[in-house]
Amino acid sequence: MENLTSWAVFIIVIVVLLAVDLYGFQRKGRQINVKSALIWSAIWIAVSLLFNLGVYYWYGTEKAIEFLTGYLIEKSLSLDNIFVFYMLFTYFSVPLRYQRRVLFWGILGALIMRAILIAAGISLIHNFHWIIYIFGAFLILTGIRMMKSTDEKVSPEKNLIVRLFKKFFQVSDKHHGERFFIKQNGKILATPLFVTLLAVETTDLIFAVDSIPAIFAITTDPFIVYTSNIFAILGLRALYFALAGIISYFSYLKYGLSIVLVFVGIKMVIVDFYKIPVLYSLGFISIVLISSIAISLFKKKPTEKEKARL
């Protein structure tokens, strides 16, 4: 009964937050500025921490630390999403005033997709314990690949979902406001904005496959895994508008993220031999991420174009 109550409270909180995000963060026709986005980003983080206090009150210290660690991992990994979303919007020439609609529906889609992936992952771990070693090895390889990767351009034309959609459906040659579909000459056409949404959703799915196994190294409690994951992506829209223009400042962050992924991968691989305390994991991950951001800001000299955005 207590667990059902927790889920009910969480669902109510999420519905309220989504309503606030839709009608509060930006009303139709209002332009989003960096100051407003930063304020809303701070609000989302504060709400997440308040929820974490609720987890502490109902479930105790260990679960609260698990939530905070999972939230920190997922929030940090979401910065990669921001960079890719920025590239997608640039590629599809989506005006700033329409980007908020794509991000909102993208987040709704992420809520559903991540619930399915998390449920499947937890079921696999509980029924086939050995798969945790595969998840761990996958994270280690992902971390190494991230560290070695060079900056690559996003190529939506290679996206399988986008290609299949364009093969079976007609797409208009220009944007039509915030509309995803239009009727033209008696035919229903998708707009480039809807194609952008498809690209965003599939990109988030790919990132989720990388990021969700990371939290399994912290806990397999469905409530903690899902809530920390969802709170991390809820404020992604505000965070995007706050950081998209200055994301290049964090050039060393990918090294920090790669170290975190390798660490949680090792944590999963050795779980049956030695279980690293969650508090130690939280401390290590925090130090690595803060250090990588600090080094990025110290080393990076802003260009004149970046200065103009501040």
C-alpha atoms as a PDB file:
ATOM      1  CA  MET A   1       0.000   0.000   0.000  1.00  0.00           C
ATOM      2  CA  GLU A   2       2.838   2.398   0.874  1.00  0.00           C
ATOM      3  CA  ASN A   3       4.455   1.699  -2.494  1.00  0.00           C
ATOM      4  CA  LEU A   4       1.173   2.385  -4.324  1.00  0.00           C
ATOM      5  CA  THR A   5       0.823   5.650  -2.411  1.00  0.00           C
ATOM      6  CA  SER A   6       4.343   6.667  -3.446  1.00  0.00           C
ATOM      7  CA  TRP A   7       3.574   5.976  -7.110  1.00  0.00           C
ATOM      8  CA  ALA A   8       0.293   7.889  -6.853  1.00  0.00           C
ATOM      9  CA  VAL A   9       2.048  10.914  -5.330  1.00  0.00           C
ATOM     10  CA  PHE A  10       4.751  10.756  -8.007  1.00  0.00           C
ATOM     11  CA  ILE A  11       2.213  10.595 -10.854  1.00  0.00           C
ATOM     12  CA  ILE A  12       0.273  13.561  -9.442  1.00  0.00           C
ATOM     13  CA  VAL A  13       3.482  15.576  -9.072  1.00  0.00           C
ATOM     14  CA  ILE A  14       4.514  14.772 -12.657  1.00  0.00           C
ATOM     15  CA  VAL A  15       1.098  15.751 -14.084  1.00  0.00           C
ATOM     16  CA  VAL A  16       1.215  19.060 -12.196  1.00  0.00           C
ATOM     17  CA  LEU A  17       4.803  19.732 -13.311  1.00  0.00           C
ATOM     18  CA  LEU A  18       3.975  18.981 -16.945  1.00  0.00           C
ATOM     19  CA  ALA A  19       1.048  21.395 -16.755  1.00  0.00           C
ATOM     20  CA  VAL A  20       3.323  24.052 -15.255  1.00  0.00           C
ATOM     21  CA  ASP A  21       5.941  23.347 -17.929  1.00  0.00           C
ATOM     22  CA  LEU A  22       3.366  23.685 -20.703  1.00  0.00           C
ATOM     23  CA  TYR A  23       1.550  26.774 -19.467  1.00  0.00           C
ATOM     24  CA  GLY A  24       4.068  28.413 -17.160  1.00  0.00           C
ATOM     25  CA  PHE A  25       7.506  28.076 -18.709  1.00  0.00           C
ATOM     26  CA  GLN A  26       6.408  29.633 -21.947  1.00  0.00           C
ATOM     27  CA  ARG A  27       2.995  30.809 -23.020  1.00  0.00           C
ATOM     28  CA  LYS A  28       2.275  30.778 -26.696  1.00  0.00           C
ATOM     29  CA  GLY A  29       3.908  33.692 -28.476  1.00  0.00           C
ATOM     30  CA  ARG A  30       6.373  34.522 -25.723  1.00  0.00           C
ATOM     31  CA  GLN A  31      10.046  34.440 -26.542  1.00  0.00           C
ATOM     32  CA  ILE A  32      12.324  32.412 -24.289  1.00  0.00           C
ATOM     33  CA  ASN A  33      15.426  34.166 -23.018  1.00  0.00           C
ATOM     34  CA  VAL A  34      18.443  32.751 -21.207  1.00  0.00           C
ATOM     35  CA  LYS A  35      17.542  34.445 -17.906  1.00  0.00           C
ATOM     36  CA  SER A  36      14.052  32.928 -17.865  1.00  0.00           C
ATOM     37  CA  ALA A  37      15.427  29.508 -18.843  1.00  0.00           C
ATOM     38  CA  LEU A  38      18.029  29.621 -16.072  1.00  0.00           C
ATOM     39  CA  ILE A  39      15.384  30.532 -13.485  1.00  0.00           C
ATOM     40  CA  TRP A  40      13.157  27.642 -14.599  1.00  0.00           C
ATOM     41  CA  SER A  41      16.139  25.263 -14.633  1.00  0.00           C
ATOM     42  CA  ALA A  42      16.826  26.223 -11.012  1.00  0.00           C
ATOM     43  CA  ILE A  43      13.134  25.653 -10.178  1.00  0.00           C
ATOM     44  CA  TRP A  44      13.186  22.138 -11.701  1.00  0.00           C
ATOM     45  CA  ILE A  45      16.329  21.234  -9.783  1.00  0.00           C
ATOM     46  CA  ALA A  46      14.798  22.584  -6.562  1.00  0.00           C
ATOM     47  CA  VAL A  47      11.609  20.556  -7.120  1.00  0.00           C
ATOM     48  CA  SER A  48      13.703  17.422  -7.722  1.00  0.00           C
ATOM     49  CA  LEU A  49      15.599  17.985  -4.477  1.00  0.00           C
ATOM     50  CA  LEU A  50      12.311  18.508  -2.614  1.00  0.00           C
ATOM     51  CA  PHE A  51      11.095  15.190  -3.975  1.00  0.00           C
ATOM     52  CA  ASN A  52      14.381  13.698  -2.807  1.00  0.00           C
ATOM     53  CA  LEU A  53      13.563  14.953   0.689  1.00  0.00           C
ATOM     54  CA  GLY A  54      10.253  13.111   0.392  1.00  0.00           C
ATOM     55  CA  VAL A  55      12.128   9.930  -0.547  1.00  0.00           C
ATOM     56  CA  TYR A  56      14.335  10.437   2.524  1.00  0.00           C
ATOM     57  CA  TYR A  57      11.294  10.904   4.767  1.00  0.00           C
ATOM     58  CA  TRP A  58       9.418   7.837   3.477  1.00  0.00           C
ATOM     59  CA  TYR A  59      12.243   5.447   2.617  1.00  0.00           C
ATOM     60  CA  GLY A  60      15.287   6.558   4.590  1.00  0.00           C
ATOM     61  CA  THR A  61      18.836   7.708   3.923  1.00  0.00           C
ATOM     62  CA  GLU A  62      19.980   4.909   1.617  1.00  0.00           C
ATOM     63  CA  LYS A  63      17.121   5.333  -0.860  1.00  0.00           C
ATOM     64  CA  ALA A  64      17.511   9.108  -0.795  1.00  0.00           C
ATOM     65  CA  ILE A  65      21.205   8.775  -1.689  1.00  0.00           C
ATOM     66  CA  GLU A  66      20.325   6.302  -4.450  1.00  0.00           C
ATOM     67  CA  PHE A  67      17.806   8.792  -5.873  1.00  0.00           C
ATOM     68  CA  LEU A  68      20.295  11.672  -5.729  1.00  0.00           C
ATOM     69  CA  THR A  69      23.074   9.615  -7.339  1.00  0.00           C
ATOM     70  CA  GLY A  70      20.791   8.389 -10.117  1.00  0.00           C
ATOM     71  CA  TYR A  71      19.470  11.910 -10.673  1.00  0.00           C
ATOM     72  CA  LEU A  72      23.002  13.312 -10.897  1.00  0.00           C
ATOM     73  CA  ILE A  73      24.070  10.668 -13.434  1.00  0.00           C
ATOM     74  CA  GLU A  74      21.014  11.115 -15.649  1.00  0.00           C
ATOM     75  CA  LYS A  75      21.083  14.919 -15.428  1.00  0.00           C
ATOM     76  CA  SER A  76      24.729  14.985 -16.465  1.00  0.00           C
ATOM     77  CA  LEU A  77      24.207  12.590 -19.357  1.00  0.00           C
ATOM     78  CA  SER A  78      21.265  14.712 -20.537  1.00  0.00           C
ATOM     79  CA  LEU A  79      23.756  17.457 -21.453  1.00  0.00           C
ATOM     80  CA  ASP A  80      24.703  15.310 -24.442  1.00  0.00           C
ATOM     81  CA  ASN A  81      21.036  15.361 -25.470  1.00  0.00           C
ATOM     82  CA  ILE A  82      21.081  19.148 -25.405  1.00  0.00           C
ATOM     83  CA  PHE A  83      23.976  19.361 -27.833  1.00  0.00           C
ATOM     84  CA  VAL A  84      22.343  16.904 -30.253  1.00  0.00           C
ATOM     85  CA  PHE A  85      18.951  18.642 -30.003  1.00  0.00           C
ATOM     86  CA  TYR A  86      20.681  21.921 -30.836  1.00  0.00           C
ATOM     87  CA  MET A  87      22.250  20.333 -33.932  1.00  0.00           C
ATOM     88  CA  LEU A  88      18.903  18.832 -35.000  1.00  0.00           C
ATOM     89  CA  PHE A  89      17.072  22.145 -34.711  1.00  0.00           C
ATOM     90  CA  THR A  90      19.848  23.809 -36.699  1.00  0.00           C
ATOM     91  CA  TYR A  91      19.743  21.098 -39.384  1.00  0.00           C
ATOM     92  CA  PHE A  92      15.950  21.344 -39.808  1.00  0.00           C
ATOM     93  CA  SER A  93      16.034  25.164 -39.519  1.00  0.00           C
ATOM     94  CA  VAL A  94      13.479  25.160 -36.708  1.00  0.00           C
ATOM     95  CA  PRO A  95      12.809  28.714 -35.446  1.00  0.00           C
ATOM     96  CA  LEU A  96      13.430  29.231 -31.726  1.00  0.00           C
ATOM     97  CA  ARG A  97       9.759  29.971 -31.017  1.00  0.00           C
ATOM     98  CA  TYR A  98       8.746  26.501 -32.324  1.00  0.00           C
ATOM     99  CA  GLN A  99      11.464  24.488 -30.580  1.00  0.00           C
ATOM    100  CA  ARG A 100       9.638  24.489 -27.235  1.00  0.00           C
ATOM    101  CA  ARG A 101       6.722  22.498 -28.748  1.00  0.00           C
ATOM    102  CA  VAL A 102       9.033  19.802 -30.121  1.00  0.00           C
ATOM    103  CA  LEU A 103      10.849  19.532 -26.775  1.00  0.00           C
ATOM    104  CA  PHE A 104       7.611  19.302 -24.789  1.00  0.00           C
ATOM    105  CA  TRP A 105       6.228  16.415 -26.863  1.00  0.00           C
ATOM    106  CA  GLY A 106       9.695  14.893 -26.941  1.00  0.00           C
ATOM    107  CA  ILE A 107       9.706  14.791 -23.143  1.00  0.00           C
ATOM    108  CA  LEU A 108       6.234  13.201 -23.065  1.00  0.00           C
ATOM    109  CA  GLY A 109       7.488  10.509 -25.414  1.00  0.00           C
ATOM    110  CA  ALA A 110      10.576  10.020 -23.257  1.00  0.00           C
ATOM    111  CA  LEU A 111       8.387   9.402 -20.175  1.00  0.00           C
ATOM    112  CA  ILE A 112       6.746   6.470 -21.931  1.00  0.00           C
ATOM    113  CA  MET A 113       9.833   5.033 -23.635  1.00  0.00           C
ATOM    114  CA  ARG A 114      11.949   5.141 -20.503  1.00  0.00           C
ATOM    115  CA  ALA A 115       9.229   3.457 -18.446  1.00  0.00           C
ATOM    116  CA  ILE A 116       9.253   0.567 -20.943  1.00  0.00           C
ATOM    117  CA  LEU A 117      13.062   0.350 -21.038  1.00  0.00           C
ATOM    118  CA  ILE A 118      13.395   0.511 -17.247  1.00  0.00           C
ATOM    119  CA  ALA A 119      10.727  -2.156 -16.703  1.00  0.00           C
ATOM    120  CA  ALA A 120      12.414  -4.416 -19.267  1.00  0.00           C
ATOM    121  CA  GLY A 121      15.874  -3.830 -17.779  1.00  0.00           C
ATOM    122  CA  ILE A 122      14.801  -4.536 -14.201  1.00  0.00           C
ATOM    123  CA  SER A 123      12.911  -7.657 -15.297  1.00  0.00           C
ATOM    124  CA  LEU A 124      15.989  -8.949 -17.119  1.00  0.00           C
ATOM    125  CA  ILE A 125      18.259  -8.315 -14.120  1.00  0.00           C
ATOM    126  CA  HIS A 126      15.864 -10.011 -11.696  1.00  0.00           C
ATOM    127  CA  ASN A 127      15.314 -13.047 -13.922  1.00  0.00           C
ATOM    128  CA  PHE A 128      18.757 -13.306 -15.510  1.00  0.00           C
ATOM    129  CA  HIS A 129      21.255 -11.923 -13.005  1.00  0.00           C
ATOM    130  CA  TRP A 130      24.182 -12.555 -15.339  1.00  0.00           C
ATOM    131  CA  ILE A 131      22.922  -9.839 -17.696  1.00  0.00           C
ATOM    132  CA  ILE A 132      24.203  -7.257 -15.214  1.00  0.00           C
ATOM    133  CA  TYR A 133      27.707  -8.153 -16.407  1.00  0.00           C
ATOM    134  CA  ILE A 134      26.661  -7.407 -19.992  1.00  0.00           C
ATOM    135  CA  PHE A 135      25.215  -4.055 -18.919  1.00  0.00           C
ATOM    136  CA  GLY A 136      28.452  -3.309 -17.060  1.00  0.00           C
ATOM    137  CA  ALA A 137      30.662  -4.225 -20.028  1.00  0.00           C
ATOM    138  CA  PHE A 138      28.412  -2.161 -22.303  1.00  0.00           C
ATOM    139  CA  LEU A 139      28.832   0.918 -20.095  1.00  0.00           C
ATOM    140  CA  ILE A 140      32.615   0.472 -19.945  1.00  0.00           C
ATOM    141  CA  LEU A 141      32.802   0.271 -23.742  1.00  0.00           C
ATOM    142  CA  THR A 142      30.447   3.249 -24.082  1.00  0.00           C
ATOM    143  CA  GLY A 143      32.614   5.308 -21.730  1.00  0.00           C
ATOM    144  CA  ILE A 144      35.783   4.430 -23.642  1.00  0.00           C
ATOM    145  CA  ARG A 145      34.093   5.184 -26.961  1.00  0.00           C
ATOM    146  CA  MET A 146      32.882   8.550 -25.629  1.00  0.00           C
ATOM    147  CA  MET A 147      36.380   9.463 -24.471  1.00  0.00           C
ATOM    148  CA  LYS A 148      37.910   8.626 -27.857  1.00  0.00           C
ATOM    149  CA  SER A 149      35.164  10.131 -29.990  1.00  0.00           C
ATOM    150  CA  THR A 150      35.670  13.316 -31.931  1.00  0.00           C
ATOM    151  CA  ASP A 151      32.964  15.878 -32.566  1.00  0.00           C
ATOM    152  CA  GLU A 152      30.678  14.502 -35.257  1.00  0.00           C
ATOM    153  CA  LYS A 153      27.980  16.292 -37.215  1.00  0.00           C
ATOM    154  CA  VAL A 154      24.433  15.098 -36.721  1.00  0.00           C
ATOM    155  CA  SER A 155      23.039  13.471 -39.884  1.00  0.00           C
ATOM    156  CA  PRO A 156      19.246  13.167 -39.533  1.00  0.00           C
ATOM    157  CA  GLU A 157      18.994  11.962 -43.143  1.00  0.00           C
ATOM    158  CA  LYS A 158      20.646   8.729 -41.940  1.00  0.00           C
ATOM    159  CA  ASN A 159      18.085   8.265 -39.139  1.00  0.00           C
ATOM    160  CA  LEU A 160      16.217   5.022 -39.950  1.00  0.00           C
ATOM    161  CA  ILE A 161      12.882   6.207 -38.486  1.00  0.00           C
ATOM    162  CA  VAL A 162      13.038   9.500 -40.395  1.00  0.00           C
ATOM    163  CA  ARG A 163      13.927   7.708 -43.632  1.00  0.00           C
ATOM    164  CA  LEU A 164      11.092   5.195 -43.244  1.00  0.00           C
ATOM    165  CA  PHE A 165       8.610   7.958 -42.429  1.00  0.00           C
ATOM    166  CA  LYS A 166       9.571   9.981 -45.525  1.00  0.00           C
ATOM    167  CA  LYS A 167       9.262   6.834 -47.625  1.00  0.00           C
ATOM    168  CA  PHE A 168       5.608   6.307 -46.710  1.00  0.00           C
ATOM    169  CA  PHE A 169       4.398   9.840 -45.897  1.00  0.00           C
ATOM    170  CA  GLN A 170       4.626  13.151 -47.683  1.00  0.00           C
ATOM    171  CA  VAL A 171       6.367  16.052 -45.952  1.00  0.00           C
ATOM    172  CA  SER A 172       5.731  19.724 -46.696  1.00  0.00           C
ATOM    173  CA  ASP A 173       8.658  21.794 -47.893  1.00  0.00           C
ATOM    174  CA  LYS A 174       8.344  24.479 -45.216  1.00  0.00           C
ATOM    175  CA  HIS A 175       7.276  25.027 -41.590  1.00  0.00           C
ATOM    176  CA  HIS A 176       3.660  25.891 -40.821  1.00  0.00           C
ATOM    177  CA  GLY A 177       3.906  27.476 -37.398  1.00  0.00           C
ATOM    178  CA  GLU A 178       3.716  24.948 -34.562  1.00  0.00           C
ATOM    179  CA  ARG A 179       1.632  22.497 -36.569  1.00  0.00           C
ATOM    180  CA  PHE A 180       2.853  18.922 -37.026  1.00  0.00           C
ATOM    181  CA  PHE A 181       0.412  18.143 -39.862  1.00  0.00           C
ATOM    182  CA  ILE A 182      -1.390  20.217 -42.497  1.00  0.00           C
ATOM    183  CA  LYS A 183      -4.031  19.559 -45.145  1.00  0.00           C
ATOM    184  CA  GLN A 184      -2.949  20.616 -48.617  1.00  0.00           C
ATOM    185  CA  ASN A 185      -4.772  19.885 -51.888  1.00  0.00           C
ATOM    186  CA  GLY A 186      -6.903  17.337 -50.071  1.00  0.00           C
ATOM    187  CA  LYS A 187      -3.890  15.465 -48.705  1.00  0.00           C
ATOM    188  CA  ILE A 188      -2.543  15.259 -45.146  1.00  0.00           C
ATOM    189  CA  LEU A 189       1.111  16.278 -45.077  1.00  0.00           C
ATOM    190  CA  ALA A 190       3.575  16.140 -42.206  1.00  0.00           C
ATOM    191  CA  THR A 191       5.543  19.299 -41.564  1.00  0.00           C
ATOM    192  CA  PRO A 192       9.331  19.489 -41.044  1.00  0.00           C
ATOM    193  CA  LEU A 193       8.516  20.158 -37.388  1.00  0.00           C
ATOM    194  CA  PHE A 194       7.037  16.658 -37.030  1.00  0.00           C
ATOM    195  CA  VAL A 195      10.067  15.124 -38.751  1.00  0.00           C
ATOM    196  CA  THR A 196      12.226  17.007 -36.252  1.00  0.00           C
ATOM    197  CA  LEU A 197      10.143  15.513 -33.412  1.00  0.00           C
ATOM    198  CA  LEU A 198      10.752  12.017 -34.809  1.00  0.00           C
ATOM    199  CA  ALA A 199      14.494  12.694 -34.905  1.00  0.00           C
ATOM    200  CA  VAL A 200      14.432  14.024 -31.332  1.00  0.00           C
ATOM    201  CA  GLU A 201      12.463  11.009 -30.045  1.00  0.00           C
ATOM    202  CA  THR A 202      14.727   8.431 -31.694  1.00  0.00           C
ATOM    203  CA  THR A 203      17.822  10.296 -30.514  1.00  0.00           C
ATOM    204  CA  ASP A 204      16.505  10.273 -26.943  1.00  0.00           C
ATOM    205  CA  LEU A 205      15.803   6.545 -27.264  1.00  0.00           C
ATOM    206  CA  ILE A 206      19.421   5.939 -28.284  1.00  0.00           C
ATOM    207  CA  PHE A 207      20.681   8.021 -25.342  1.00  0.00           C
ATOM    208  CA  ALA A 208      18.326   6.167 -22.981  1.00  0.00           C
ATOM    209  CA  VAL A 209      19.824   2.834 -24.030  1.00  0.00           C
ATOM    210  CA  ASP A 210      23.206   4.241 -22.941  1.00  0.00           C
ATOM    211  CA  SER A 211      22.107   6.012 -19.770  1.00  0.00           C
ATOM    212  CA  ILE A 212      19.478   3.768 -18.156  1.00  0.00           C
ATOM    213  CA  PRO A 213      21.854   0.828 -17.512  1.00  0.00           C
ATOM    214  CA  ALA A 214      24.075   3.278 -15.608  1.00  0.00           C
ATOM    215  CA  ILE A 215      21.528   3.711 -12.837  1.00  0.00           C
ATOM    216  CA  PHE A 216      21.161  -0.069 -12.461  1.00  0.00           C
ATOM    217  CA  ALA A 217      24.645   0.042 -10.925  1.00  0.00           C
ATOM    218  CA  ILE A 218      23.161   2.223  -8.177  1.00  0.00           C
ATOM    219  CA  THR A 219      19.816   0.478  -7.590  1.00  0.00           C
ATOM    220  CA  THR A 220      17.244  -1.784  -9.229  1.00  0.00           C
ATOM    221  CA  ASP A 221      14.360  -0.401  -7.171  1.00  0.00           C
ATOM    222  CA  PRO A 222      11.787   0.484  -9.905  1.00  0.00           C
ATOM    223  CA  PHE A 223      10.505   3.522  -8.003  1.00  0.00           C
ATOM    224  CA  ILE A 224      13.959   5.040  -7.468  1.00  0.00           C
ATOM    225  CA  VAL A 225      15.173   4.210 -10.979  1.00  0.00           C
ATOM    226  CA  TYR A 226      12.158   5.693 -12.759  1.00  0.00           C
ATOM    227  CA  THR A 227      11.598   8.759 -10.569  1.00  0.00           C
ATOM    228  CA  SER A 228      15.255   9.842 -10.624  1.00  0.00           C
ATOM    229  CA  ASN A 229      15.324   9.326 -14.388  1.00  0.00           C
ATOM    230  CA  ILE A 230      12.134  11.278 -15.025  1.00  0.00           C
ATOM    231  CA  PHE A 231      13.035  14.178 -12.742  1.00  0.00           C
ATOM    232  CA  ALA A 232      16.361  14.427 -14.582  1.00  0.00           C
ATOM    233  CA  ILE A 233      14.668  14.869 -17.970  1.00  0.00           C
ATOM    234  CA  LEU A 234      11.679  16.954 -16.806  1.00  0.00           C
ATOM    235  CA  GLY A 235      13.696  20.162 -16.707  1.00  0.00           C
ATOM    236  CA  LEU A 236      15.505  19.342 -19.939  1.00  0.00           C
ATOM    237  CA  ARG A 237      13.473  21.844 -21.949  1.00  0.00           C
ATOM    238  CA  ALA A 238      14.426  24.774 -19.727  1.00  0.00           C
ATOM    239  CA  LEU A 239      18.011  23.522 -19.514  1.00  0.00           C
ATOM    240  CA  TYR A 240      18.179  23.383 -23.307  1.00  0.00           C
ATOM    241  CA  PHE A 241      17.233  27.041 -23.701  1.00  0.00           C
ATOM    242  CA  ALA A 242      19.653  27.976 -20.915  1.00  0.00           C
ATOM    243  CA  LEU A 243      22.674  26.091 -22.231  1.00  0.00           C
ATOM    244  CA  ALA A 244      22.242  25.467 -25.978  1.00  0.00           C
ATOM    245  CA  GLY A 245      24.052  28.659 -26.886  1.00  0.00           C
ATOM    246  CA  ILE A 246      27.002  28.066 -24.564  1.00  0.00           C
ATOM    247  CA  ILE A 247      27.266  24.257 -24.576  1.00  0.00           C
ATOM    248  CA  SER A 248      30.661  24.492 -26.299  1.00  0.00           C
ATOM    249  CA  TYR A 249      32.051  25.865 -23.043  1.00  0.00           C
ATOM    250  CA  PHE A 250      31.887  22.385 -21.502  1.00  0.00           C
ATOM    251  CA  SER A 251      34.463  20.786 -23.785  1.00  0.00           C
ATOM    252  CA  TYR A 252      35.940  18.592 -21.035  1.00  0.00           C
ATOM    253  CA  LEU A 253      32.585  17.383 -19.735  1.00  0.00           C
ATOM    254  CA  LYS A 254      32.564  14.396 -22.088  1.00  0.00           C
ATOM    255  CA  TYR A 255      35.729  13.113 -20.395  1.00  0.00           C
ATOM    256  CA  GLY A 256      34.029  13.390 -17.023  1.00  0.00           C
ATOM    257  CA  LEU A 257      30.954  11.574 -18.339  1.00  0.00           C
ATOM    258  CA  SER A 258      33.105   8.839 -19.875  1.00  0.00           C
ATOM    259  CA  ILE A 259      34.884   8.303 -16.533  1.00  0.00           C
ATOM    260  CA  VAL A 260      31.492   8.093 -14.788  1.00  0.00           C
ATOM    261  CA  LEU A 261      30.219   5.504 -17.281  1.00  0.00           C
ATOM    262  CA  VAL A 262      33.372   3.402 -16.920  1.00  0.00           C
ATOM    263  CA  PHE A 263      33.108   3.652 -13.125  1.00  0.00           C
ATOM    264  CA  VAL A 264      29.460   2.516 -12.976  1.00  0.00           C
ATOM    265  CA  GLY A 265      30.258  -0.205 -15.507  1.00  0.00           C
ATOM    266  CA  ILE A 266      33.031  -1.548 -13.288  1.00  0.00           C
ATOM    267  CA  LYS A 267      30.672  -1.234 -10.307  1.00  0.00           C
ATOM    268  CA  MET A 268      28.208  -3.536 -12.070  1.00  0.00           C
ATOM    269  CA  VAL A 269      30.830  -6.042 -13.185  1.00  0.00           C
ATOM    270  CA  ILE A 270      32.249  -6.500  -9.660  1.00  0.00           C
ATOM    271  CA  VAL A 271      28.902  -6.323  -7.821  1.00  0.00           C
ATOM    272  CA  ASP A 272      29.020 -10.007  -6.791  1.00  0.00           C
ATOM    273  CA  PHE A 273      32.548  -9.632  -5.418  1.00  0.00           C
ATOM    274  CA  TYR A 274      32.451  -6.182  -3.873  1.00  0.00           C
ATOM    275  CA  LYS A 275      29.560  -3.729  -3.602  1.00  0.00           C
ATOM    276  CA  ILE A 276      30.790  -0.134  -3.634  1.00  0.00           C
ATOM    277  CA  PRO A 277      28.727   1.873  -1.104  1.00  0.00           C
ATOM    278  CA  VAL A 278      26.258   4.243  -2.744  1.00  0.00           C
ATOM    279  CA  LEU A 279      27.596   7.191  -0.742  1.00  0.00           C
ATOM    280  CA  TYR A 280      31.094   6.573  -2.141  1.00  0.00           C
ATOM    281  CA  SER A 281      29.625   6.389  -5.651  1.00  0.00           C
ATOM    282  CA  LEU A 282      27.805   9.694  -5.138  1.00  0.00           C
ATOM    283  CA  GLY A 283      30.995  11.352  -3.884  1.00  0.00           C
ATOM    284  CA  PHE A 284      33.152  10.044  -6.737  1.00  0.00           C
ATOM    285  CA  ILE A 285      30.629  10.940  -9.449  1.00  0.00           C
ATOM    286  CA  SER A 286      30.116  14.438  -8.000  1.00  0.00           C
ATOM    287  CA  ILE A 287      33.862  15.130  -7.848  1.00  0.00           C
ATOM    288  CA  VAL A 288      34.452  13.906 -11.411  1.00  0.00           C
ATOM    289  CA  LEU A 289      31.589  15.935 -12.917  1.00  0.00           C
ATOM    290  CA  ILE A 290      32.325  19.128 -10.983  1.00  0.00           C
ATOM    291  CA  SER A 291      36.019  18.851 -11.865  1.00  0.00           C
ATOM    292  CA  SER A 292      35.337  18.342 -15.581  1.00  0.00           C
ATOM    293  CA  ILE A 293      32.999  21.357 -15.671  1.00  0.00           C
ATOM    294  CA  ALA A 294      35.466  23.505 -13.722  1.00  0.00           C
ATOM    295  CA  ILE A 295      38.347  22.549 -16.033  1.00  0.00           C
ATOM    296  CA  SER A 296      36.163  23.282 -19.068  1.00  0.00           C
ATOM    297  CA  LEU A 297      35.306  26.767 -17.817  1.00  0.00           C
ATOM    298  CA  PHE A 298      38.917  27.465 -16.842  1.00  0.00           C
ATOM    299  CA  LYS A 299      40.435  26.276 -20.119  1.00  0.00           C
ATOM    300  CA  LYS A 300      37.812  27.521 -22.552  1.00  0.00           C
ATOM    301  CA  LYS A 301      38.112  31.052 -23.850  1.00  0.00           C
ATOM    302  CA  PRO A 302      34.775  32.266 -25.218  1.00  0.00           C
ATOM    303  CA  THR A 303      34.546  33.517 -28.783  1.00  0.00           C
ATOM    304  CA  GLU A 304      33.011  36.890 -29.571  1.00  0.00           C
ATOM    305  CA  LYS A 305      29.844  35.117 -30.739  1.00  0.00           C
ATOM    306  CA  GLU A 306      29.577  33.197 -27.447  1.00  0.00           C
ATOM    307  CA  LYS A 307      30.177  36.377 -25.438  1.00  0.00           C
ATOM    308  CA  ALA A 308      27.272  37.989 -27.255  1.00  0.00           C
ATOM    309  CA  ARG A 309      24.957  35.207 -26.056  1.00  0.00           C
ATOM    310  CA  LEU A 310      25.758  35.837 -22.375  1.00  0.00           C
END
